[in-house]
Amino acid sequence: MSSWQVQEAKQRFSEVLRHAHSEGPQIVTRHGEEIAVVIDIEEYRTLKAARLDFKDFLRSGPDLSELDIHRASEPAPSIDLTLE
C-alpha cells in the first residue's frame, strides 16, 4: 500500500488513481496522519455489496427455533454490589 501526502496526491491525482487500480488501496496523509484511502471502484463495490444492515445481519443467522433450551428452575443467586 502506497502513502501520499495531501499536496502530492492533489498534484498527481491521476497517478494515485492508476496506483489504486493496479496496486491496491492508496493512503493519503496530512502531517503524518492517515486521513483517507483511495480504492479501485471494483474493490469499493465488493465492500459495499458485502455490507448487511443490522436487520439483514440478524436474519442471516442460524435458525434457533429447533434448539431445546431450558432455563434453570431455581432463582438466580443474589449478588452483593455494595462497596466495602
Protein backbone atom coordinates (compact mmCIF):
# COMPACT_ATOMS: atom_id res chain seq x y z
CA MET A 1 0.00 0.00 0.00
CA SER A 2 1.45 3.36 -1.00
CA SER A 3 1.19 6.50 1.05
CA TRP A 4 0.73 10.01 -0.38
CA GLN A 5 0.85 13.39 1.35
CA VAL A 6 -2.21 15.51 0.56
CA GLN A 7 -0.31 18.03 -1.54
CA GLU A 8 1.40 15.28 -3.56
CA ALA A 9 -1.89 13.41 -4.02
CA LYS A 10 -3.54 16.59 -5.30
CA GLN A 11 -0.76 17.29 -7.76
CA ARG A 12 -0.53 13.70 -9.01
CA PHE A 13 -4.17 12.61 -8.67
CA SER A 14 -4.23 10.68 -11.96
CA GLU A 15 -1.22 8.69 -10.78
CA VAL A 16 -2.86 8.00 -7.42
CA LEU A 17 -5.88 6.63 -9.31
CA ARG A 18 -3.71 4.44 -11.53
CA HIS A 19 -1.91 3.03 -8.48
CA ALA A 20 -5.23 2.36 -6.73
CA HIS A 21 -6.36 0.40 -9.78
CA SER A 22 -3.13 -1.55 -10.34
CA GLU A 23 -1.58 -1.86 -6.86
CA GLY A 24 -4.44 -1.58 -4.40
CA PRO A 25 -5.54 0.97 -1.80
CA GLN A 26 -3.60 4.25 -1.60
CA ILE A 27 -3.33 6.01 1.77
CA VAL A 28 -3.48 9.82 1.90
CA THR A 29 -1.82 11.54 4.87
CA ARG A 30 -1.81 15.04 6.34
CA HIS A 31 1.00 15.94 8.72
CA GLY A 32 1.83 12.22 9.01
CA GLU A 33 -1.72 11.24 10.00
CA GLU A 34 -3.70 8.89 7.73
CA ILE A 35 -6.85 10.72 6.66
CA ALA A 36 -8.19 8.94 3.58
CA VAL A 37 -7.92 5.90 1.33
CA VAL A 38 -8.33 5.81 -2.45
CA ILE A 39 -9.51 2.41 -3.69
CA ASP A 40 -10.41 0.89 -7.04
CA ILE A 41 -14.12 1.01 -7.92
CA GLU A 42 -14.37 -2.79 -8.08
CA GLU A 43 -12.98 -3.11 -4.56
CA TYR A 44 -15.46 -0.48 -3.39
CA ARG A 45 -18.37 -2.34 -5.00
CA THR A 46 -17.24 -5.59 -3.36
CA LEU A 47 -17.06 -3.92 0.04
CA LYS A 48 -20.41 -2.21 -0.40
CA ALA A 49 -22.16 -5.41 -1.51
CA ALA A 50 -20.74 -7.38 1.42
CA ARG A 51 -22.20 -4.98 3.99
CA LEU A 52 -25.52 -6.01 5.55
CA ASP A 53 -27.76 -3.71 7.51
CA PHE A 54 -28.40 -4.81 11.08
CA LYS A 55 -31.81 -6.33 10.37
CA ASP A 56 -30.45 -8.44 7.50
CA PHE A 57 -27.47 -9.43 9.65
CA LEU A 58 -29.80 -10.80 12.34
CA ARG A 59 -31.95 -12.58 9.77
CA SER A 60 -28.88 -14.23 8.22
CA GLY A 61 -28.03 -16.05 11.44
CA PRO A 62 -28.80 -19.73 12.14
CA ASP A 63 -32.36 -20.89 12.74
CA LEU A 64 -32.63 -21.25 16.53
CA SER A 65 -36.27 -22.36 16.62
CA GLU A 66 -35.32 -26.03 16.84
CA LEU A 67 -32.94 -25.64 19.78
CA ASP A 68 -34.08 -27.27 23.01
CA ILE A 69 -33.34 -24.51 25.51
CA HIS A 70 -34.30 -24.90 29.18
CA ARG A 71 -33.93 -22.38 31.96
CA ALA A 72 -32.98 -23.50 35.45
CA SER A 73 -35.99 -23.55 37.78
CA GLU A 74 -34.13 -22.16 40.81
CA PRO A 75 -33.84 -18.40 41.11
CA ALA A 76 -30.63 -16.66 40.21
CA PRO A 77 -28.25 -16.10 43.11
CA SER A 78 -28.27 -12.64 44.67
CA ILE A 79 -25.07 -10.67 44.38
CA ASP A 80 -23.92 -8.02 46.86
CA LEU A 81 -22.88 -5.00 44.81
CA THR A 82 -22.16 -2.66 47.73
CA LEU A 83 -18.70 -1.16 48.02
CA GLU A 84 -16.73 -2.02 51.12
